[in-house]
Amino acid sequence: MADLISARLALAVSAAQAEKTVRSPLLYAWWALNLAVLLAVGYGIYRFVRKSRENRGSRG
């Protein structure tokens, strides 16, 4: 019984020690592209809202 518990404990400890992940430069390029698209969409929404507020204010 003690051997079974110690075996499970050893397995849990070995599973808990994470190996270092090697990331590809393409992954960083993908993240940079996603960030650029997100910023472009955010800027587009900002300009759209600003322009619609200007047009709404000049009517009245």
PDB file of N, CA and C in Angstrom:
ATOM      1  N   MET A   1       0.822  -1.187   0.000  1.00  0.00           N
ATOM      2  CA  MET A   1       0.000   0.000   0.000  1.00  0.00           C
ATOM      3  C   MET A   1       0.872   1.258   0.000  1.00  0.00           C
ATOM      4  N   ALA A   2       1.937   1.245   0.788  1.00  0.00           N
ATOM      5  CA  ALA A   2       2.825   2.391   0.852  1.00  0.00           C
ATOM      6  C   ALA A   2       3.537   2.595  -0.482  1.00  0.00           C
ATOM      7  N   ASP A   3       3.849   1.481  -1.164  1.00  0.00           N
ATOM      8  CA  ASP A   3       4.498   1.600  -2.474  1.00  0.00           C
ATOM      9  C   ASP A   3       3.573   2.251  -3.492  1.00  0.00           C
ATOM     10  N   LEU A   4       2.304   1.928  -3.396  1.00  0.00           N
ATOM     11  CA  LEU A   4       1.332   2.513  -4.322  1.00  0.00           C
ATOM     12  C   LEU A   4       1.201   4.015  -4.079  1.00  0.00           C
ATOM     13  N   ILE A   5       1.165   4.426  -2.823  1.00  0.00           N
ATOM     14  CA  ILE A   5       1.052   5.844  -2.490  1.00  0.00           C
ATOM     15  C   ILE A   5       2.309   6.589  -2.913  1.00  0.00           C
ATOM     16  N   SER A   6       3.483   6.008  -2.655  1.00  0.00           N
ATOM     17  CA  SER A   6       4.717   6.686  -3.036  1.00  0.00           C
ATOM     18  C   SER A   6       4.871   6.745  -4.552  1.00  0.00           C
ATOM     19  N   ALA A   7       4.378   5.737  -5.253  1.00  0.00           N
ATOM     20  CA  ALA A   7       4.428   5.758  -6.714  1.00  0.00           C
ATOM     21  C   ALA A   7       3.524   6.858  -7.263  1.00  0.00           C
ATOM     22  N   ARG A   8       2.341   7.000  -6.681  1.00  0.00           N
ATOM     23  CA  ARG A   8       1.423   8.064  -7.116  1.00  0.00           C
ATOM     24  C   ARG A   8       2.006   9.438  -6.810  1.00  0.00           C
ATOM     25  N   LEU A   9       2.639   9.563  -5.644  1.00  0.00           N
ATOM     26  CA  LEU A   9       3.248  10.829  -5.274  1.00  0.00           C
ATOM     27  C   LEU A   9       4.387  11.184  -6.222  1.00  0.00           C
ATOM     28  N   ALA A  10       5.209  10.203  -6.561  1.00  0.00           N
ATOM     29  CA  ALA A  10       6.311  10.442  -7.487  1.00  0.00           C
ATOM     30  C   ALA A  10       5.780  10.836  -8.867  1.00  0.00           C
ATOM     31  N   LEU A  11       4.707  10.210  -9.295  1.00  0.00           N
ATOM     32  CA  LEU A  11       4.095  10.550 -10.582  1.00  0.00           C
ATOM     33  C   LEU A  11       3.526  11.964 -10.553  1.00  0.00           C
ATOM     34  N   ALA A  12       2.902  12.337  -9.453  1.00  0.00           N
ATOM     35  CA  ALA A  12       2.325  13.679  -9.337  1.00  0.00           C
ATOM     36  C   ALA A  12       3.422  14.743  -9.325  1.00  0.00           C
ATOM     37  N   VAL A  13       4.528  14.458  -8.641  1.00  0.00           N
ATOM     38  CA  VAL A  13       5.622  15.423  -8.586  1.00  0.00           C
ATOM     39  C   VAL A  13       6.268  15.577  -9.952  1.00  0.00           C
ATOM     40  N   SER A  14       6.440  14.486 -10.669  1.00  0.00           N
ATOM     41  CA  SER A  14       7.052  14.577 -11.998  1.00  0.00           C
ATOM     42  C   SER A  14       6.139  15.281 -12.990  1.00  0.00           C
ATOM     43  N   ALA A  15       4.843  15.117 -12.818  1.00  0.00           N
ATOM     44  CA  ALA A  15       3.888  15.793 -13.704  1.00  0.00           C
ATOM     45  C   ALA A  15       3.804  17.276 -13.369  1.00  0.00           C
ATOM     46  N   ALA A  16       4.050  17.651 -12.128  1.00  0.00           N
ATOM     47  CA  ALA A  16       3.932  19.042 -11.711  1.00  0.00           C
ATOM     48  C   ALA A  16       5.121  19.875 -12.184  1.00  0.00           C
ATOM     49  N   GLN A  17       6.245  19.252 -12.468  1.00  0.00           N
ATOM     50  CA  GLN A  17       7.420  19.984 -12.926  1.00  0.00           C
ATOM     51  C   GLN A  17       7.308  20.195 -14.435  1.00  0.00           C
ATOM     52  N   ALA A  18       6.980  21.412 -14.808  1.00  0.00           N
ATOM     53  CA  ALA A  18       6.747  21.716 -16.214  1.00  0.00           C
ATOM     54  C   ALA A  18       8.070  21.848 -16.957  1.00  0.00           C
ATOM     55  N   GLU A  19       8.049  21.405 -18.175  1.00  0.00           N
ATOM     56  CA  GLU A  19       9.224  21.573 -19.032  1.00  0.00           C
ATOM     57  C   GLU A  19       9.170  22.946 -19.683  1.00  0.00           C
ATOM     58  N   LYS A  20      10.337  23.494 -19.985  1.00  0.00           N
ATOM     59  CA  LYS A  20      10.388  24.801 -20.623  1.00  0.00           C
ATOM     60  C   LYS A  20       9.856  24.680 -22.053  1.00  0.00           C
ATOM     61  N   THR A  21       8.949  25.562 -22.384  1.00  0.00           N
ATOM     62  CA  THR A  21       8.338  25.561 -23.705  1.00  0.00           C
ATOM     63  C   THR A  21       9.213  26.359 -24.668  1.00  0.00           C
ATOM     64  N   VAL A  22       9.496  25.785 -25.805  1.00  0.00           N
ATOM     65  CA  VAL A  22      10.251  26.485 -26.844  1.00  0.00           C
ATOM     66  C   VAL A  22       9.235  27.068 -27.817  1.00  0.00           C
ATOM     67  N   ARG A  23       9.242  28.389 -27.938  1.00  0.00           N
ATOM     68  CA  ARG A  23       8.262  29.051 -28.804  1.00  0.00           C
ATOM     69  C   ARG A  23       8.919  29.458 -30.110  1.00  0.00           C
ATOM     70  N   SER A  24       8.193  29.266 -31.165  1.00  0.00           N
ATOM     71  CA  SER A  24       8.678  29.603 -32.492  1.00  0.00           C
ATOM     72  C   SER A  24       8.599  31.111 -32.721  1.00  0.00           C
ATOM     73  N   PRO A  25       9.532  31.670 -33.500  1.00  0.00           N
ATOM     74  CA  PRO A  25       9.416  33.092 -33.854  1.00  0.00           C
ATOM     75  C   PRO A  25       8.136  33.394 -34.632  1.00  0.00           C
ATOM     76  N   LEU A  26       7.591  32.398 -35.322  1.00  0.00           N
ATOM     77  CA  LEU A  26       6.333  32.605 -36.038  1.00  0.00           C
ATOM     78  C   LEU A  26       5.183  32.875 -35.071  1.00  0.00           C
ATOM     79  N   LEU A  27       5.262  32.301 -33.878  1.00  0.00           N
ATOM     80  CA  LEU A  27       4.227  32.555 -32.887  1.00  0.00           C
ATOM     81  C   LEU A  27       4.245  34.015 -32.469  1.00  0.00           C
ATOM     82  N   TYR A  28       5.435  34.569 -32.254  1.00  0.00           N
ATOM     83  CA  TYR A  28       5.533  35.984 -31.904  1.00  0.00           C
ATOM     84  C   TYR A  28       5.076  36.871 -33.051  1.00  0.00           C
ATOM     85  N   ALA A  29       5.359  36.479 -34.272  1.00  0.00           N
ATOM     86  CA  ALA A  29       4.885  37.236 -35.430  1.00  0.00           C
ATOM     87  C   ALA A  29       3.352  37.204 -35.498  1.00  0.00           C
ATOM     88  N   TRP A  30       2.772  36.058 -35.183  1.00  0.00           N
ATOM     89  CA  TRP A  30       1.315  35.913 -35.186  1.00  0.00           C
ATOM     90  C   TRP A  30       0.696  36.798 -34.107  1.00  0.00           C
ATOM     91  N   TRP A  31       1.318  36.820 -32.928  1.00  0.00           N
ATOM     92  CA  TRP A  31       0.833  37.686 -31.852  1.00  0.00           C
ATOM     93  C   TRP A  31       0.937  39.158 -32.251  1.00  0.00           C
ATOM     94  N   ALA A  32       2.029  39.536 -32.888  1.00  0.00           N
ATOM     95  CA  ALA A  32       2.206  40.922 -33.313  1.00  0.00           C
ATOM     96  C   ALA A  32       1.156  41.305 -34.361  1.00  0.00           C
ATOM     97  N   LEU A  33       0.873  40.394 -35.276  1.00  0.00           N
ATOM     98  CA  LEU A  33      -0.156  40.652 -36.286  1.00  0.00           C
ATOM     99  C   LEU A  33      -1.519  40.814 -35.636  1.00  0.00           C
ATOM    100  N   ASN A  34      -1.833  39.953 -34.690  1.00  0.00           N
ATOM    101  CA  ASN A  34      -3.119  40.066 -33.994  1.00  0.00           C
ATOM    102  C   ASN A  34      -3.219  41.376 -33.228  1.00  0.00           C
ATOM    103  N   LEU A  35      -2.137  41.799 -32.602  1.00  0.00           N
ATOM    104  CA  LEU A  35      -2.137  43.058 -31.873  1.00  0.00           C
ATOM    105  C   LEU A  35      -2.330  44.237 -32.822  1.00  0.00           C
ATOM    106  N   ALA A  36      -1.665  44.189 -33.979  1.00  0.00           N
ATOM    107  CA  ALA A  36      -1.805  45.270 -34.956  1.00  0.00           C
ATOM    108  C   ALA A  36      -3.245  45.354 -35.474  1.00  0.00           C
ATOM    109  N   VAL A  37      -3.861  44.223 -35.735  1.00  0.00           N
ATOM    110  CA  VAL A  37      -5.249  44.222 -36.213  1.00  0.00           C
ATOM    111  C   VAL A  37      -6.178  44.741 -35.118  1.00  0.00           C
ATOM    112  N   LEU A  38      -5.935  44.330 -33.889  1.00  0.00           N
ATOM    113  CA  LEU A  38      -6.763  44.805 -32.787  1.00  0.00           C
ATOM    114  C   LEU A  38      -6.650  46.314 -32.614  1.00  0.00           C
ATOM    115  N   LEU A  39      -5.436  46.836 -32.705  1.00  0.00           N
ATOM    116  CA  LEU A  39      -5.252  48.289 -32.605  1.00  0.00           C
ATOM    117  C   LEU A  39      -5.914  49.017 -33.766  1.00  0.00           C
ATOM    118  N   ALA A  40      -5.815  48.465 -34.975  1.00  0.00           N
ATOM    119  CA  ALA A  40      -6.443  49.091 -36.140  1.00  0.00           C
ATOM    120  C   ALA A  40      -7.964  49.109 -36.004  1.00  0.00           C
ATOM    121  N   VAL A  41      -8.533  48.036 -35.519  1.00  0.00           N
ATOM    122  CA  VAL A  41      -9.989  47.992 -35.324  1.00  0.00           C
ATOM    123  C   VAL A  41     -10.405  48.993 -34.252  1.00  0.00           C
ATOM    124  N   GLY A  42      -9.647  49.042 -33.168  1.00  0.00           N
ATOM    125  CA  GLY A  42      -9.954  50.003 -32.105  1.00  0.00           C
ATOM    126  C   GLY A  42      -9.867  51.437 -32.591  1.00  0.00           C
ATOM    127  N   TYR A  43      -8.841  51.752 -33.389  1.00  0.00           N
ATOM    128  CA  TYR A  43      -8.690  53.100 -33.928  1.00  0.00           C
ATOM    129  C   TYR A  43      -9.825  53.413 -34.905  1.00  0.00           C
ATOM    130  N   GLY A  44     -10.219  52.434 -35.692  1.00  0.00           N
ATOM    131  CA  GLY A  44     -11.333  52.638 -36.614  1.00  0.00           C
ATOM    132  C   GLY A  44     -12.634  52.925 -35.883  1.00  0.00           C
ATOM    133  N   ILE A  45     -12.875  52.213 -34.799  1.00  0.00           N
ATOM    134  CA  ILE A  45     -14.078  52.465 -34.002  1.00  0.00           C
ATOM    135  C   ILE A  45     -14.014  53.860 -33.379  1.00  0.00           C
ATOM    136  N   TYR A  46     -12.839  54.232 -32.895  1.00  0.00           N
ATOM    137  CA  TYR A  46     -12.658  55.560 -32.299  1.00  0.00           C
ATOM    138  C   TYR A  46     -12.964  56.657 -33.317  1.00  0.00           C
ATOM    139  N   ARG A  47     -12.422  56.527 -34.531  1.00  0.00           N
ATOM    140  CA  ARG A  47     -12.663  57.543 -35.561  1.00  0.00           C
ATOM    141  C   ARG A  47     -14.127  57.576 -35.973  1.00  0.00           C
ATOM    142  N   PHE A  48     -14.753  56.393 -36.077  1.00  0.00           N
ATOM    143  CA  PHE A  48     -16.162  56.326 -36.456  1.00  0.00           C
ATOM    144  C   PHE A  48     -17.042  57.020 -35.420  1.00  0.00           C
ATOM    145  N   VAL A  49     -16.778  56.762 -34.146  1.00  0.00           N
ATOM    146  CA  VAL A  49     -17.578  57.386 -33.081  1.00  0.00           C
ATOM    147  C   VAL A  49     -17.341  58.886 -33.044  1.00  0.00           C
ATOM    148  N   ARG A  50     -16.083  59.298 -33.206  1.00  0.00           N
ATOM    149  CA  ARG A  50     -15.776  60.726 -33.175  1.00  0.00           C
ATOM    150  C   ARG A  50     -16.458  61.452 -34.335  1.00  0.00           C
ATOM    151  N   LYS A  51     -16.417  60.865 -35.522  1.00  0.00           N
ATOM    152  CA  LYS A  51     -17.039  61.499 -36.685  1.00  0.00           C
ATOM    153  C   LYS A  51     -18.554  61.535 -36.551  1.00  0.00           C
ATOM    154  N   SER A  52     -19.157  60.467 -36.023  1.00  0.00           N
ATOM    155  CA  SER A  52     -20.609  60.451 -35.870  1.00  0.00           C
ATOM    156  C   SER A  52     -21.065  61.462 -34.821  1.00  0.00           C
ATOM    157  N   ARG A  53     -20.235  61.688 -33.795  1.00  0.00           N
ATOM    158  CA  ARG A  53     -20.583  62.704 -32.793  1.00  0.00           C
ATOM    159  C   ARG A  53     -20.461  64.110 -33.367  1.00  0.00           C
ATOM    160  N   GLU A  54     -19.467  64.342 -34.223  1.00  0.00           N
ATOM    161  CA  GLU A  54     -19.339  65.656 -34.868  1.00  0.00           C
ATOM    162  C   GLU A  54     -20.537  65.931 -35.757  1.00  0.00           C
ATOM    163  N   ASN A  55     -20.953  64.946 -36.523  1.00  0.00           N
ATOM    164  CA  ASN A  55     -22.094  65.125 -37.424  1.00  0.00           C
ATOM    165  C   ASN A  55     -23.386  65.326 -36.651  1.00  0.00           C
ATOM    166  N   ARG A  56     -23.537  64.657 -35.551  1.00  0.00           N
ATOM    167  CA  ARG A  56     -24.744  64.801 -34.755  1.00  0.00           C
ATOM    168  C   ARG A  56     -24.813  66.179 -34.093  1.00  0.00           C
ATOM    169  N   GLY A  57     -23.671  66.714 -33.673  1.00  0.00           N
ATOM    170  CA  GLY A  57     -23.651  68.007 -33.004  1.00  0.00           C
ATOM    171  C   GLY A  57     -23.930  69.153 -33.956  1.00  0.00           C
ATOM    172  N   SER A  58     -23.587  69.033 -35.234  1.00  0.00           N
ATOM    173  CA  SER A  58     -23.763  70.141 -36.171  1.00  0.00           C
ATOM    174  C   SER A  58     -25.196  70.254 -36.666  1.00  0.00           C
ATOM    175  N   ARG A  59     -26.028  69.248 -36.438  1.00  0.00           N
ATOM    176  CA  ARG A  59     -27.415  69.308 -36.911  1.00  0.00           C
ATOM    177  C   ARG A  59     -28.264  70.271 -36.095  1.00  0.00           C
ATOM    178  N   GLY A  60     -28.057  70.274 -34.781  1.00  0.00           N
ATOM    179  CA  GLY A  60     -28.960  70.998 -33.909  1.00  0.00           C
ATOM    180  C   GLY A  60     -28.590  72.409 -33.722  1.00  0.00           C
TER     181      GLY A  60
END
